[in-house]
C-alpha atoms as a PDB file:
ATOM      1  CA  MET A   1     109.981 111.257  52.713  1.00  0.00           C
ATOM      2  CA  ASP A   2     109.474 114.927  53.515  1.00  0.00           C
ATOM      3  CA  ARG A   3     110.660 116.364  56.838  1.00  0.00           C
ATOM      4  CA  LYS A   4     107.188 116.614  58.393  1.00  0.00           C
ATOM      5  CA  LYS A   5     106.494 112.935  57.659  1.00  0.00           C
ATOM      6  CA  GLN A   6     109.955 111.979  58.987  1.00  0.00           C
ATOM      7  CA  ARG A   7     109.320 113.942  62.192  1.00  0.00           C
ATOM      8  CA  ASP A   8     105.809 112.518  62.609  1.00  0.00           C
ATOM      9  CA  ALA A   9     107.092 108.960  62.097  1.00  0.00           C
ATOM     10  CA  LEU A  10     109.301 109.234  65.200  1.00  0.00           C
ATOM     11  CA  PRO A  11     108.467 109.725  68.843  1.00  0.00           C
ATOM     12  CA  ARG A  12     108.828 113.426  69.658  1.00  0.00           C
ATOM     13  CA  ASP A  13     111.667 112.943  72.156  1.00  0.00           C
ATOM     14  CA  ASP A  14     113.660 110.822  69.681  1.00  0.00           C
ATOM     15  CA  TYR A  15     113.319 113.458  66.967  1.00  0.00           C
ATOM     16  CA  TYR A  16     114.318 116.463  69.069  1.00  0.00           C
ATOM     17  CA  MET A  17     117.150 114.663  70.882  1.00  0.00           C
ATOM     18  CA  GLY A  18     118.417 113.575  67.473  1.00  0.00           C
ATOM     19  CA  LEU A  19     118.258 117.195  66.347  1.00  0.00           C
ATOM     20  CA  ALA A  20     120.280 118.231  69.427  1.00  0.00           C
ATOM     21  CA  HIS A  21     122.939 115.693  68.405  1.00  0.00           C
ATOM     22  CA  VAL A  22     122.943 117.013  64.830  1.00  0.00           C
ATOM     23  CA  VAL A  23     123.522 120.612  65.923  1.00  0.00           C
ATOM     24  CA  SER A  24     126.238 119.498  68.374  1.00  0.00           C
ATOM     25  CA  ALA A  25     128.303 118.601  65.290  1.00  0.00           C
ATOM     26  CA  MET A  26     128.690 122.362  64.650  1.00  0.00           C
ATOM     27  CA  CYS A  27     130.386 122.838  68.029  1.00  0.00           C
ATOM     28  CA  ARG A  28     134.146 123.457  68.313  1.00  0.00           C
ATOM     29  CA  ASN A  29     134.184 122.178  71.894  1.00  0.00           C
ATOM     30  CA  PRO A  30     136.233 118.947  72.205  1.00  0.00           C
ATOM     31  CA  THR A  31     133.231 117.544  74.128  1.00  0.00           C
ATOM     32  CA  PRO A  32     130.452 118.991  71.964  1.00  0.00           C
ATOM     33  CA  SER A  33     127.001 119.740  73.288  1.00  0.00           C
ATOM     34  CA  GLY A  34     123.805 120.577  71.444  1.00  0.00           C
ATOM     35  CA  SER A  35     120.436 121.721  72.739  1.00  0.00           C
ATOM     36  CA  VAL A  36     116.921 122.290  71.458  1.00  0.00           C
ATOM     37  CA  VAL A  37     114.129 124.282  73.089  1.00  0.00           C
ATOM     38  CA  LEU A  38     110.782 122.992  71.858  1.00  0.00           C
ATOM     39  CA  HIS A  39     108.059 125.591  72.354  1.00  0.00           C
ATOM     40  CA  ALA A  40     105.104 124.538  74.496  1.00  0.00           C
ATOM     41  CA  SER A  41     102.922 124.579  71.354  1.00  0.00           C
ATOM     42  CA  GLY A  42     105.055 121.757  69.949  1.00  0.00           C
ATOM     43  CA  HIS A  43     105.444 123.595  66.638  1.00  0.00           C
ATOM     44  CA  ASP A  44     108.464 125.901  67.002  1.00  0.00           C
ATOM     45  CA  TYR A  45     111.972 125.200  68.205  1.00  0.00           C
ATOM     46  CA  VAL A  46     115.383 126.850  68.478  1.00  0.00           C
ATOM     47  CA  THR A  47     118.805 125.250  68.777  1.00  0.00           C
ATOM     48  CA  GLY A  48     122.063 126.064  70.509  1.00  0.00           C
ATOM     49  CA  VAL A  49     125.640 124.815  70.639  1.00  0.00           C
ATOM     50  CA  ASP A  50     128.545 125.632  72.943  1.00  0.00           C
ATOM     51  CA  VAL A  51     130.129 128.862  71.671  1.00  0.00           C
ATOM     52  CA  MET A  52     132.869 131.285  72.591  1.00  0.00           C
ATOM     53  CA  PRO A  53     131.170 134.551  71.594  1.00  0.00           C
ATOM     54  CA  GLY A  54     133.315 137.232  70.039  1.00  0.00           C
ATOM     55  CA  VAL A  55     136.314 134.910  69.817  1.00  0.00           C
ATOM     56  CA  SER A  56     137.906 133.973  66.493  1.00  0.00           C
ATOM     57  CA  ASP A  57     137.814 130.333  65.412  1.00  0.00           C
ATOM     58  CA  ALA A  58     141.632 130.552  65.331  1.00  0.00           C
ATOM     59  CA  VAL A  59     141.688 130.830  69.152  1.00  0.00           C
ATOM     60  CA  PRO A  60     142.006 127.449  70.899  1.00  0.00           C
ATOM     61  CA  TRP A  61     138.882 126.277  72.714  1.00  0.00           C
ATOM     62  CA  ASP A  62     138.642 127.499  76.318  1.00  0.00           C
ATOM     63  CA  THR A  63     135.857 125.997  78.406  1.00  0.00           C
ATOM     64  CA  ASP A  64     136.001 128.962  80.812  1.00  0.00           C
ATOM     65  CA  LEU A  65     135.007 131.337  77.962  1.00  0.00           C
ATOM     66  CA  CYS A  66     132.243 129.073  76.706  1.00  0.00           C
ATOM     67  CA  VAL A  67     128.525 129.832  76.681  1.00  0.00           C
ATOM     68  CA  HIS A  68     126.778 126.478  77.047  1.00  0.00           C
ATOM     69  CA  SER A  69     124.454 125.127  74.378  1.00  0.00           C
ATOM     70  CA  GLU A  70     121.507 125.211  76.776  1.00  0.00           C
ATOM     71  CA  THR A  71     121.994 128.933  77.452  1.00  0.00           C
ATOM     72  CA  GLU A  72     122.376 129.625  73.724  1.00  0.00           C
ATOM     73  CA  ALA A  73     119.087 127.865  72.972  1.00  0.00           C
ATOM     74  CA  LEU A  74     117.257 129.415  75.936  1.00  0.00           C
ATOM     75  CA  ILE A  75     118.225 132.992  75.069  1.00  0.00           C
ATOM     76  CA  SER A  76     117.280 132.383  71.427  1.00  0.00           C
ATOM     77  CA  ALA A  77     113.777 131.197  72.339  1.00  0.00           C
ATOM     78  CA  SER A  78     111.215 133.977  72.000  1.00  0.00           C
ATOM     79  CA  SER A  79     108.838 132.683  74.677  1.00  0.00           C
ATOM     80  CA  PRO A  80     110.234 129.591  76.415  1.00  0.00           C
ATOM     81  CA  GLU A  81     107.666 129.447  79.214  1.00  0.00           C
ATOM     82  CA  GLY A  82     106.161 125.943  79.382  1.00  0.00           C
ATOM     83  CA  SER A  83     108.682 124.601  76.844  1.00  0.00           C
ATOM     84  CA  THR A  84     110.896 121.512  76.857  1.00  0.00           C
ATOM     85  CA  LEU A  85     114.695 121.711  76.812  1.00  0.00           C
ATOM     86  CA  TYR A  86     116.515 118.813  75.106  1.00  0.00           C
ATOM     87  CA  SER A  87     120.267 118.580  75.659  1.00  0.00           C
ATOM     88  CA  THR A  88     122.882 116.051  74.639  1.00  0.00           C
ATOM     89  CA  ARG A  89     124.367 116.458  78.149  1.00  0.00           C
ATOM     90  CA  CYS A  90     122.717 117.152  81.480  1.00  0.00           C
ATOM     91  CA  PRO A  91     122.666 120.935  81.968  1.00  0.00           C
ATOM     92  CA  CYS A  92     124.920 122.419  84.633  1.00  0.00           C
ATOM     93  CA  ALA A  93     123.419 124.190  87.651  1.00  0.00           C
ATOM     94  CA  SER A  94     123.678 127.636  86.000  1.00  0.00           C
ATOM     95  CA  CYS A  95     121.898 126.511  82.822  1.00  0.00           C
ATOM     96  CA  THR A  96     119.274 124.693  84.901  1.00  0.00           C
ATOM     97  CA  SER A  97     118.688 127.850  86.960  1.00  0.00           C
ATOM     98  CA  LEU A  98     118.251 129.869  83.763  1.00  0.00           C
ATOM     99  CA  ALA A  99     115.772 127.288  82.473  1.00  0.00           C
ATOM    100  CA  VAL A 100     113.795 127.606  85.717  1.00  0.00           C
ATOM    101  CA  ARG A 101     113.839 131.406  85.507  1.00  0.00           C
ATOM    102  CA  LEU A 102     112.542 131.321  81.917  1.00  0.00           C
ATOM    103  CA  GLY A 103     109.722 128.911  82.740  1.00  0.00           C
ATOM    104  CA  ILE A 104     110.964 125.667  81.168  1.00  0.00           C
ATOM    105  CA  LYS A 105     108.768 122.832  82.449  1.00  0.00           C
ATOM    106  CA  ARG A 106     110.719 119.797  81.280  1.00  0.00           C
ATOM    107  CA  ILE A 107     114.404 119.035  80.706  1.00  0.00           C
ATOM    108  CA  VAL A 108     115.465 115.920  78.785  1.00  0.00           C
ATOM    109  CA  TYR A 109     119.179 115.055  78.732  1.00  0.00           C
ATOM    110  CA  HIS A 110     121.055 112.234  77.017  1.00  0.00           C
ATOM    111  CA  THR A 111     124.410 111.825  78.757  1.00  0.00           C
ATOM    112  CA  VAL A 112     126.182 112.896  81.936  1.00  0.00           C
ATOM    113  CA  LYS A 113     124.238 112.308  85.128  1.00  0.00           C
ATOM    114  CA  PRO A 114     122.935 115.408  86.933  1.00  0.00           C
ATOM    115  CA  CYS A 115     124.892 116.721  89.897  1.00  0.00           C
ATOM    116  CA  ASP A 116     123.222 117.137  93.296  1.00  0.00           C
ATOM    117  CA  LYS A 117     122.821 120.893  92.787  1.00  0.00           C
ATOM    118  CA  VAL A 118     120.855 120.344  89.553  1.00  0.00           C
ATOM    119  CA  LEU A 119     118.673 117.764  91.295  1.00  0.00           C
ATOM    120  CA  ASP A 120     117.973 120.241  94.096  1.00  0.00           C
ATOM    121  CA  ILE A 121     117.079 123.012  91.635  1.00  0.00           C
ATOM    122  CA  VAL A 122     114.584 120.919  89.660  1.00  0.00           C
ATOM    123  CA  ARG A 123     113.056 119.465  92.821  1.00  0.00           C
ATOM    124  CA  LEU A 124     112.492 122.913  94.337  1.00  0.00           C
ATOM    125  CA  ALA A 125     111.167 124.334  91.062  1.00  0.00           C
ATOM    126  CA  TYR A 126     108.880 121.356  90.274  1.00  0.00           C
ATOM    127  CA  ILE A 127     110.490 120.807  86.882  1.00  0.00           C
ATOM    128  CA  GLN A 128     110.644 117.407  85.192  1.00  0.00           C
ATOM    129  CA  LEU A 129     114.235 116.230  84.642  1.00  0.00           C
ATOM    130  CA  GLU A 130     114.380 113.081  82.528  1.00  0.00           C
ATOM    131  CA  GLU A 131     117.196 110.994  81.171  1.00  0.00           C
ATOM    132  CA  PHE A 132     116.559 110.296  77.475  1.00  0.00           C
ATOM    133  CA  LYS A 133     115.637 106.618  77.087  1.00  0.00           C
ATOM    134  CA  GLY A 134     114.663 106.740  73.436  1.00  0.00           C
ATOM    135  CA  ASP A 135     116.516 105.697  70.332  1.00  0.00           C
ATOM    136  CA  ILE A 136     118.553 107.913  68.045  1.00  0.00           C
ATOM    137  CA  ASN A 137     119.831 105.095  65.807  1.00  0.00           C
ATOM    138  CA  TRP A 138     117.428 106.450  63.173  1.00  0.00           C
ATOM    139  CA  LEU A 139     119.778 109.435  62.897  1.00  0.00           C
ATOM    140  CA  ARG A 140     122.730 107.281  61.844  1.00  0.00           C
ATOM    141  CA  ASP A 141     120.593 105.580  59.188  1.00  0.00           C
ATOM    142  CA  PHE A 142     119.152 108.895  57.986  1.00  0.00           C
ATOM    143  CA  THR A 143     122.646 110.438  57.742  1.00  0.00           C
ATOM    144  CA  ARG A 144     123.967 107.463  55.763  1.00  0.00           C
ATOM    145  CA  GLY A 145     121.092 107.845  53.303  1.00  0.00           C
ATOM    146  CA  MET A 146     121.834 111.550  52.862  1.00  0.00           C
ATOM    147  CA  GLU A 147     125.537 110.815  52.248  1.00  0.00           C
ATOM    148  CA  GLN A 148     124.702 108.123  49.688  1.00  0.00           C
ATOM    149  CA  ARG A 149     122.588 110.644  47.771  1.00  0.00           C
ATOM    150  CA  ASN A 150     125.404 113.240  48.037  1.00  0.00           C
ATOM    151  CA  LEU A 151     123.154 115.594  50.002  1.00  0.00           C
ATOM    152  CA  PHE A 152     125.876 116.350  52.578  1.00  0.00           C
END
C-alpha cells in the first residue's frame, strides 16, 4: 500500500500522532518527545524532536540545554498560523506560548497531563487543547511489517 493510501486509511489524528512517535525515536533524550505541525491546509507538515543544538552527540544529555520537540517543529514550519500541533507529550508553558504566538489553533498531546499554566494559556488564547484518544497500534503492526521485509 502506498503512503498516501496508508495515510488516507487512518483517521488524521492517528496518523500524525503516530508520525510524532516515529520521529521521537530519533531523540537522544532519555524521555524522548516528538512533534508534528500539520499545516492548516492539511497537506504539509514538519517534524521536531528534542535536541541540544550545537552540542556533540558525545556530550551526555542535559535537559537544561534542550530545545523541545514542539519548538523545533514550530520554528521549522513556514507558516504555522491556523495549524495543528501534535506532540507525544503535553507541551510545556513556554512551547504552548510559542504556539499561541505563531497562531496554532489546535494542540493534540498523547501523554503527560497539562499543568495549570498551560491550561490558563490555552483558555486565554482560545486554543483547542486535546488529549489524543485515538489508536496508534497500527504503527506497531506497520513497523513489524517493514522489519519482516527488511526495509528498516
